[in-house]
Protein backbone atom coordinates (compact mmCIF):
# COMPACT_ATOMS: atom_id res chain seq x y z
CA MET A 1 -23.04 -1.12 57.18
CA GLN A 2 -24.15 2.64 57.50
CA SER A 3 -21.34 4.34 59.13
CA PRO A 4 -22.13 6.46 62.41
CA SER A 5 -21.39 10.03 62.51
CA TRP A 6 -18.27 11.06 64.32
CA ILE A 7 -20.22 12.83 67.08
CA ILE A 8 -21.68 9.34 68.05
CA LEU A 9 -18.26 7.89 68.01
CA ILE A 10 -16.82 10.71 70.18
CA THR A 11 -19.85 10.17 72.55
CA GLN A 12 -19.17 6.65 72.85
CA MET A 13 -15.43 7.34 73.57
CA MET A 14 -16.64 9.62 76.62
CA PHE A 15 -18.76 6.98 78.30
CA LEU A 16 -16.96 3.80 77.45
CA GLY A 17 -13.54 2.69 78.83
CA PRO A 18 -10.44 3.28 76.80
CA ASN A 19 -10.13 -0.07 75.63
CA THR A 20 -13.68 -0.28 74.56
CA ALA A 21 -13.66 3.09 73.04
CA ASN A 22 -10.68 2.29 70.87
CA ALA A 23 -12.27 -0.99 69.77
CA VAL A 24 -15.33 1.03 68.62
CA PHE A 25 -13.26 3.39 66.55
CA GLN A 26 -11.16 0.44 65.13
CA ASN A 27 -14.30 -1.55 64.28
CA TYR A 28 -15.94 1.41 62.76
CA PHE A 29 -12.81 2.05 60.41
CA ALA A 30 -12.36 -1.59 59.67
CA ASN A 31 -15.88 -1.91 58.19
CA ARG A 32 -15.91 1.31 55.99
CA SER A 33 -16.93 0.69 52.49
CA ASP A 34 -14.42 3.22 51.01
CA GLY A 35 -11.66 0.71 52.13
CA ARG A 36 -9.87 3.11 54.23
CA MET A 37 -7.96 1.42 57.18
CA GLU A 38 -9.29 -2.12 56.64
CA THR A 39 -7.25 -4.87 58.29
CA PRO A 40 -3.70 -3.25 57.81
CA MET A 41 -1.15 -5.14 56.01
CA CYS A 42 2.39 -4.40 54.84
CA ASP A 43 2.86 -3.89 51.21
CA ASP A 44 4.99 -1.78 48.83
CA GLY A 45 3.13 1.42 49.57
CA ASN A 46 3.48 1.42 53.30
CA THR A 47 6.87 -0.23 53.79
CA LEU A 48 10.21 1.57 54.29
CA ASN A 49 13.10 -0.57 53.31
CA PHE A 50 16.30 0.73 54.69
CA SER A 51 18.27 -2.37 54.18
CA ALA A 52 19.29 -1.34 50.80
CA GLY A 53 19.60 2.41 51.38
CA GLU A 54 16.89 3.39 49.22
CA ASP A 55 14.14 4.97 51.20
CA GLY A 56 15.99 7.77 52.96
CA GLN A 57 17.73 8.04 56.29
CA PRO A 58 16.64 5.61 58.88
CA ASN A 59 17.85 7.79 61.88
CA ALA A 60 15.28 10.31 60.87
CA LEU A 61 12.74 7.92 62.37
CA ILE A 62 14.47 7.83 65.86
CA TYR A 63 14.67 10.23 68.68
CA ASN A 64 18.10 11.93 68.75
CA THR A 65 19.99 13.29 71.77
CA PHE A 66 18.47 16.73 71.42
CA ASP A 67 15.09 15.29 71.37
CA ARG A 68 15.67 13.49 74.44
CA VAL A 69 17.08 16.33 76.29
CA VAL A 70 14.13 18.57 75.48
CA ILE A 71 11.44 16.09 76.13
CA VAL A 72 13.00 14.65 79.50
CA CYS A 73 14.68 17.77 80.81
CA VAL A 74 13.85 21.04 79.38
CA LEU A 75 10.09 20.75 78.88
CA PRO A 76 9.28 19.24 82.30
CA VAL A 77 11.07 22.25 83.87
CA ILE A 78 8.90 24.62 81.83
CA VAL A 79 5.82 22.63 82.79
CA ALA A 80 6.71 22.83 86.64
CA LEU A 81 7.03 26.62 86.13
CA GLY A 82 3.83 26.76 84.33
CA LEU A 83 1.88 24.68 86.84
CA PHE A 84 3.36 27.16 89.68
CA THR A 85 2.44 30.41 87.97
CA ASN A 86 -1.00 29.44 86.64
CA VAL A 87 -2.01 27.73 89.89
CA SER A 88 -0.85 30.79 91.75
CA PHE A 89 -2.79 33.03 89.69
CA LEU A 90 -5.92 30.99 90.14
CA PHE A 91 -5.38 31.14 94.00
CA VAL A 92 -4.89 34.88 93.82
CA VAL A 93 -8.10 35.41 92.03
CA ALA A 94 -10.04 33.14 94.41
CA ARG A 95 -8.51 34.57 97.49
CA VAL A 96 -8.64 38.32 96.87
CA PRO A 97 -12.24 39.51 96.31
CA ARG A 98 -11.11 42.75 94.19
CA MET A 99 -9.49 40.36 91.61
CA ARG A 100 -12.98 39.01 90.58
CA THR A 101 -13.28 41.27 87.51
CA VAL A 102 -14.65 40.73 83.94
CA THR A 103 -11.08 40.77 82.69
CA ASN A 104 -9.83 38.26 85.48
CA LEU A 105 -12.84 35.96 84.43
CA TYR A 106 -10.89 35.76 80.94
CA LEU A 107 -7.51 35.49 82.34
CA VAL A 108 -8.67 32.56 84.69
CA GLN A 109 -9.87 30.69 81.63
CA LEU A 110 -6.49 31.42 79.93
CA ALA A 111 -4.74 30.17 82.96
CA ALA A 112 -6.84 26.97 83.01
CA SER A 113 -6.33 26.53 79.20
CA ASP A 114 -2.51 26.94 79.66
CA LEU A 115 -2.65 24.28 82.41
CA LEU A 116 -4.43 21.83 80.30
CA PHE A 117 -2.13 22.50 77.26
CA LEU A 118 1.07 22.19 79.36
CA VAL A 119 0.04 18.85 81.22
CA LEU A 120 -1.59 17.15 78.26
CA THR A 121 1.17 17.69 75.73
CA GLU A 122 3.80 16.77 78.17
CA ILE A 123 2.22 13.69 79.17
CA GLN A 124 1.53 12.88 75.45
CA LYS A 125 5.24 13.34 74.68
CA LEU A 126 6.49 11.47 77.71
CA VAL A 127 4.12 8.40 76.94
CA TYR A 128 4.95 8.29 73.23
CA TYR A 129 8.76 8.65 74.20
CA SER A 130 8.62 5.88 76.80
CA ALA A 131 6.72 3.55 74.55
CA SER A 132 8.76 3.53 71.45
CA PRO A 133 12.01 4.84 70.12
CA LEU A 134 10.37 6.04 67.05
CA THR A 135 9.17 9.93 67.14
CA MET A 136 5.99 9.50 65.34
CA ASP A 137 4.90 6.25 66.74
CA MET A 138 1.46 6.76 68.16
CA SER A 139 0.59 2.97 68.55
CA VAL A 140 0.32 3.08 72.33
CA ALA A 141 -2.33 5.61 72.29
CA GLY A 142 -4.49 3.96 69.49
CA TYR A 143 -6.79 5.63 66.99
CA ALA A 144 -9.29 6.76 69.77
CA GLY A 145 -6.61 8.06 72.01
CA SER A 146 -4.75 9.86 69.30
CA VAL A 147 -8.03 11.71 68.02
CA ALA A 148 -8.98 12.55 71.67
CA LEU A 149 -5.47 13.76 72.56
CA TYR A 150 -5.43 15.92 69.28
CA PHE A 151 -8.91 17.27 69.92
CA VAL A 152 -8.41 18.42 73.51
CA VAL A 153 -4.83 19.92 72.86
CA GLN A 154 -5.97 21.70 69.79
CA LEU A 155 -9.11 22.95 71.48
CA VAL A 156 -7.26 24.57 74.56
CA HIS A 157 -4.68 25.87 72.35
CA THR A 158 -7.20 27.52 69.92
CA GLU A 159 -9.04 28.79 73.08
CA THR A 160 -5.98 30.71 74.53
CA MET A 161 -5.51 32.35 71.05
CA ILE A 162 -9.24 33.52 71.10
CA LEU A 163 -9.15 34.39 74.72
CA VAL A 164 -6.23 36.82 74.21
CA SER A 165 -8.01 38.49 71.42
CA VAL A 166 -11.18 38.87 73.49
CA VAL A 167 -9.16 40.42 76.23
CA ALA A 168 -7.68 42.85 73.88
CA LEU A 169 -11.22 43.69 72.58
CA GLU A 170 -12.59 44.13 76.10
CA LYS A 171 -9.82 46.49 77.10
CA TYR A 172 -10.13 48.42 73.61
CA PHE A 173 -13.84 49.06 74.52
CA ALA A 174 -13.09 49.81 78.06
CA ILE A 175 -10.98 52.65 76.88
CA PHE A 176 -12.77 54.00 73.90
CA LYS A 177 -16.34 53.41 75.25
CA PRO A 178 -15.90 53.47 79.03
CA LEU A 179 -19.61 54.11 79.82
CA HIS A 180 -20.72 50.78 78.07
CA PHE A 181 -17.96 48.46 78.98
CA ARG A 182 -16.55 48.55 82.62
CA ALA A 183 -14.48 46.07 84.13
CA HIS A 184 -16.23 45.76 87.56
CA TRP A 185 -18.16 42.57 88.47
CA SER A 186 -21.72 43.90 88.20
CA GLN A 187 -24.78 41.77 87.03
CA GLY A 188 -24.82 43.05 83.43
CA ASN A 189 -21.26 42.60 83.04
CA ARG A 190 -21.00 39.29 84.59
CA SER A 191 -23.82 38.09 82.25
CA ARG A 192 -22.03 39.26 79.16
CA ALA A 193 -18.84 37.93 80.20
CA ILE A 194 -20.17 34.42 80.86
CA LYS A 195 -22.04 34.49 77.46
CA MET A 196 -18.72 35.82 75.73
CA SER A 197 -16.73 32.93 77.49
CA ILE A 198 -19.19 30.22 76.35
CA GLY A 199 -19.04 31.54 72.84
CA THR A 200 -15.19 31.52 72.81
CA TRP A 201 -15.28 27.90 73.99
CA VAL A 202 -17.78 26.98 71.23
CA LEU A 203 -16.09 28.91 68.62
CA SER A 204 -12.70 27.02 69.58
CA ALA A 205 -14.61 23.59 69.15
CA VAL A 206 -15.97 24.57 65.68
CA VAL A 207 -12.42 25.60 64.63
CA VAL A 208 -10.88 22.44 65.72
CA ILE A 209 -13.64 20.24 64.28
CA THR A 210 -13.37 21.97 60.95
CA VAL A 211 -9.67 21.07 60.68
CA GLY A 212 -9.61 18.19 62.80
CA PRO A 213 -8.95 14.56 62.45
CA TRP A 214 -12.25 13.31 61.99
CA VAL A 215 -11.54 12.11 58.38
CA SER A 216 -7.86 11.18 59.02
CA ASP A 217 -6.01 8.00 58.75
CA PHE A 218 -4.25 5.97 61.39
CA ARG A 219 -1.64 4.90 59.23
CA LEU A 220 0.55 1.54 59.40
CA THR A 221 4.00 1.86 58.43
CA CYS A 222 6.16 -1.27 58.16
CA ILE A 223 10.00 -0.75 58.34
CA VAL A 224 12.90 -2.93 57.09
CA TRP A 225 15.99 -1.75 59.25
CA PRO A 226 19.51 -1.89 58.05
CA GLU A 227 21.39 -4.86 59.43
CA TYR A 228 23.33 -2.77 62.11
CA SER A 229 23.36 -3.45 65.70
CA GLU A 230 22.31 0.22 66.51
CA PHE A 231 18.75 -0.76 65.02
CA ASP A 232 18.38 -3.83 67.01
CA GLY A 233 15.31 -4.04 69.06
CA ILE A 234 13.71 -1.15 67.28
CA PRO A 235 9.87 -1.71 66.41
CA ASP A 236 9.41 -2.74 62.70
CA ARG A 237 5.75 -1.38 62.74
CA MET A 238 4.34 1.88 63.75
CA TYR A 239 1.07 3.65 63.54
CA THR A 240 0.89 7.47 62.88
CA LEU A 241 -2.33 9.67 62.82
CA LYS A 242 -2.43 11.55 59.59
CA VAL A 243 -4.35 14.81 60.16
CA ILE A 244 -3.61 16.92 56.99
CA SER A 245 -5.28 16.21 53.74
CA GLU A 246 -2.19 16.69 51.54
CA VAL A 247 -0.60 13.68 49.94
CA VAL A 248 2.53 12.85 51.64
CA THR A 249 4.95 9.89 51.23
CA THR A 250 5.42 7.17 53.75
CA TYR A 251 8.77 8.52 54.78
CA GLU A 252 7.53 11.98 55.20
CA LEU A 253 4.66 10.79 57.33
CA VAL A 254 6.94 9.13 59.87
CA THR A 255 9.68 11.61 59.82
CA VAL A 256 8.09 15.00 59.46
CA HIS A 257 5.98 16.50 62.25
CA GLN A 258 2.57 17.26 60.80
CA ARG A 259 2.00 20.85 60.55
CA ASP A 260 -1.14 22.78 61.25
CA SER A 261 -3.50 23.13 58.18
CA LEU A 262 -3.20 26.17 55.84
CA TRP A 263 -6.47 27.36 56.99
CA TYR A 264 -5.63 27.21 60.58
CA THR A 265 -2.33 29.31 59.84
CA ILE A 266 -4.23 31.91 57.92
CA THR A 267 -6.63 32.06 60.73
CA PHE A 268 -3.64 32.70 63.02
CA VAL A 269 -2.30 35.34 60.92
CA ILE A 270 -5.81 37.19 60.46
CA ILE A 271 -6.26 37.15 64.34
CA ALA A 272 -2.70 38.39 65.00
CA SER A 273 -3.11 41.36 62.52
CA ALA A 274 -6.17 42.40 64.17
CA ASN A 275 -4.72 42.20 67.56
CA SER A 276 -1.87 44.30 66.38
CA VAL A 277 -4.29 46.94 65.37
CA LEU A 278 -6.19 46.93 68.76
CA PHE A 279 -2.78 47.18 70.53
CA VAL A 280 -1.48 49.90 68.48
CA ARG A 281 -4.83 52.01 69.15
CA ILE A 282 -4.69 51.23 72.92
CA VAL A 283 -1.01 52.23 73.32
CA ARG A 284 -1.94 55.50 71.62
CA ALA A 285 -4.83 56.05 73.74
CA LEU A 286 -2.78 55.38 76.90
CA ASN A 287 -0.16 58.07 75.86
CA MET A 288 -2.96 60.59 75.79
CA ARG A 289 -3.02 62.81 78.79
CA VAL A 290 -6.54 62.81 80.33
CA MET A 291 -7.47 66.16 82.00
CA PRO A 292 -9.47 65.89 85.23
CA ILE A 293 -12.97 67.27 85.31
CA GLY A 294 -12.23 69.52 88.39
CA PRO A 295 -9.37 70.07 90.98
CA GLN A 296 -11.25 68.02 93.59
CA ASN A 297 -11.14 65.02 91.28
CA ALA A 298 -7.67 65.24 90.20
CA VAL A 299 -6.16 62.84 92.76
CA LEU A 300 -8.89 60.15 92.26
CA GLU A 301 -8.92 60.34 88.74
CA ALA A 302 -5.19 60.15 88.33
CA ARG A 303 -5.35 57.04 90.46
CA ILE A 304 -8.09 55.47 88.45
CA THR A 305 -6.24 56.30 85.29
CA ARG A 306 -2.95 55.06 86.57
CA THR A 307 -4.62 51.58 87.43
CA ARG A 308 -6.39 51.47 84.19
CA ASN A 309 -3.13 52.10 82.16
CA GLN A 310 -1.34 49.55 84.16
CA VAL A 311 -3.87 46.84 83.46
CA ALA A 312 -4.16 47.90 79.91
CA TRP A 313 -0.14 47.79 79.41
CA MET A 314 -0.25 44.46 81.03
CA LEU A 315 -2.65 43.09 78.52
CA VAL A 316 -0.99 44.60 75.68
CA VAL A 317 2.49 43.18 76.74
CA ASN A 318 1.00 39.71 77.36
CA GLY A 319 -0.91 39.64 74.05
CA VAL A 320 2.36 40.83 72.25
CA ILE A 321 4.27 38.09 73.84
CA PHE A 322 1.77 35.49 73.06
CA PHE A 323 1.91 36.22 69.36
CA VAL A 324 5.56 36.75 69.11
CA LEU A 325 6.03 33.26 70.68
CA MET A 326 3.67 31.49 68.55
CA ALA A 327 4.42 33.26 65.22
CA PRO A 328 7.61 31.25 64.35
CA ARG A 329 5.87 28.03 64.38
CA LYS A 330 3.03 29.25 62.22
CA PHE A 331 5.24 31.02 59.60
CA TYR A 332 7.35 27.78 59.68
CA ASP A 333 4.22 25.79 58.86
CA LEU A 334 3.29 28.30 55.94
CA ALA A 335 6.83 28.06 54.46
CA ARG A 336 6.47 24.22 54.72
CA THR A 337 3.24 24.31 52.96
CA ILE A 338 4.74 26.38 50.11
CA SER A 339 7.87 24.39 49.81
CA MET A 340 5.89 21.19 49.64
CA ASN A 341 3.62 22.42 46.96
CA THR A 342 6.80 23.32 44.91
CA GLY A 343 8.32 19.86 45.51
CA HIS A 344 11.16 20.79 47.46
CA ASP A 345 11.89 20.02 51.22
CA LEU A 346 12.43 22.92 53.40
CA LEU A 347 15.20 21.47 55.73
CA GLY A 348 16.85 18.20 56.31
CA TYR A 349 15.80 15.88 59.42
CA ARG A 350 18.38 16.97 61.94
CA PRO A 351 18.10 20.91 61.50
CA ARG A 352 14.32 20.41 61.38
CA SER A 353 14.43 18.47 64.64
CA TYR A 354 16.38 21.34 66.20
CA ILE A 355 14.06 23.93 64.99
CA LEU A 356 10.82 21.96 65.94
CA ASN A 357 12.09 21.32 69.32
CA ALA A 358 12.89 25.06 69.67
CA PHE A 359 9.37 26.00 68.88
CA SER A 360 8.10 23.49 71.38
CA ILE A 361 10.04 25.27 73.95
CA LEU A 362 8.62 28.70 72.83
CA THR A 363 5.10 27.25 73.04
CA TYR A 364 5.63 26.02 76.24
CA LEU A 365 6.91 29.11 77.65
CA ASN A 366 4.14 31.00 76.30
CA SER A 367 1.78 28.99 78.34
CA ALA A 368 3.96 29.49 81.56
CA VAL A 369 4.91 33.12 81.55
CA ASN A 370 1.50 34.93 81.54
CA PRO A 371 1.00 35.36 85.38
CA MET A 372 4.64 36.49 85.52
CA VAL A 373 3.80 39.12 83.08
CA TYR A 374 0.80 40.10 85.22
CA SER A 375 3.18 40.72 88.24
CA VAL A 376 5.90 42.46 86.61
CA VAL A 377 3.81 44.96 84.60
CA SER A 378 1.06 45.82 86.98
CA LEU A 379 1.19 47.06 90.51
CA ARG A 380 -2.39 46.18 91.04
CA TYR A 381 -1.62 42.50 90.44
CA ARG A 382 1.68 42.49 92.41
CA ARG A 383 -0.10 43.69 95.34
CA ALA A 384 -3.01 41.16 94.84
CA PHE A 385 -0.34 38.51 94.93
CA ARG A 386 1.27 39.63 98.05
CA ARG A 387 -2.13 39.87 99.73
CA ALA A 388 -3.08 36.36 98.68
CA PHE A 389 0.07 34.78 99.94
CA THR A 390 0.13 36.76 103.27
CA PHE A 391 -1.77 34.24 105.49
CA GLN A 392 -2.94 36.59 108.28
CA GLN A 393 -6.33 36.17 110.13
CA ARG A 394 -8.68 38.87 109.25
CA LYS A 395 -9.81 41.00 112.18
CA THR A 396 -13.74 40.45 112.72
CA THR A 397 -15.82 43.37 113.94
CA PHE A 398 -19.50 43.89 114.01
CA LEU A 399 -19.10 46.18 110.75
CA ASN A 400 -17.79 43.29 108.65
């Protein structure tokens, strides 16, 4: 049977119900001529036998106490904070007319992306956690659900990285080419910003599709548990979506959270480096004293310069925080790639669990703190927040 393209499959998933869509995906892979993911069965290649103590540590497959605390207590608090801060920012932009600028168009999309990322990733974690005690068990979502979640989460995550870069680039040109790039909401700027916004989403989709799980495996793992009471009632089968092309053992597949692809990590390093150059040049420009054209314009120009500098500093601080919070996970993924290619495991399962949970906290914080940065650094944004949440009736006159 000629296999349909992944585009057709994704389209079917969008318009069919979840059960039907999952059946379409399962049927597609069950009838592939290359033999990948035909009717799954337990064999020596996909079975972990812990009864004889030969295949590793069985506790590495199960949520530990720190996992539970982070998933159930810590991350939901950060998600609630992120919902409050990002929704508040969207409300401010909608309520205060002078906040409708080109820069804020990008920041609105950044807030929306952060909201989607926080909600989807936490729902994903809670669903997996409540459905199975095994950390990498994705059986509850099925292949279609796992692919859809992976695509959307990676899409909004990539979009945030690109939007931060676009905002830095916009502010760079606003400072060094002020006559060509202005932040006010004029017709020409609005058209340019909308085109740029569409371009960022298209680019994000291309990046995710390039490294996405369209050629991945939904792997069955069978488990023979030790004959201890602590393992009673734990499932002896689990499915895991393998999204990396490297060869991994069955034990690694179900105990090690899969890292980003090397190409994706390198892309992050390149973008972070480019942003660093922009940030340095912007900061240098902000530290230069601009002389007024004439005495009569000194007060006005000083006010304009002060507002511009506050917004620029706000964006620089926001961008630096973004890359600082994201960098540890990316460099860890790079180190893991190097260690796996040399045949050495970077860390044991317990310290690895602590580190990955810490990275999750940093990633969630990154999506929650942006509006707080806006208010702390910029007087303009603080005033807009106060005005938006001051519910006073506006006086109406014939001149309004």
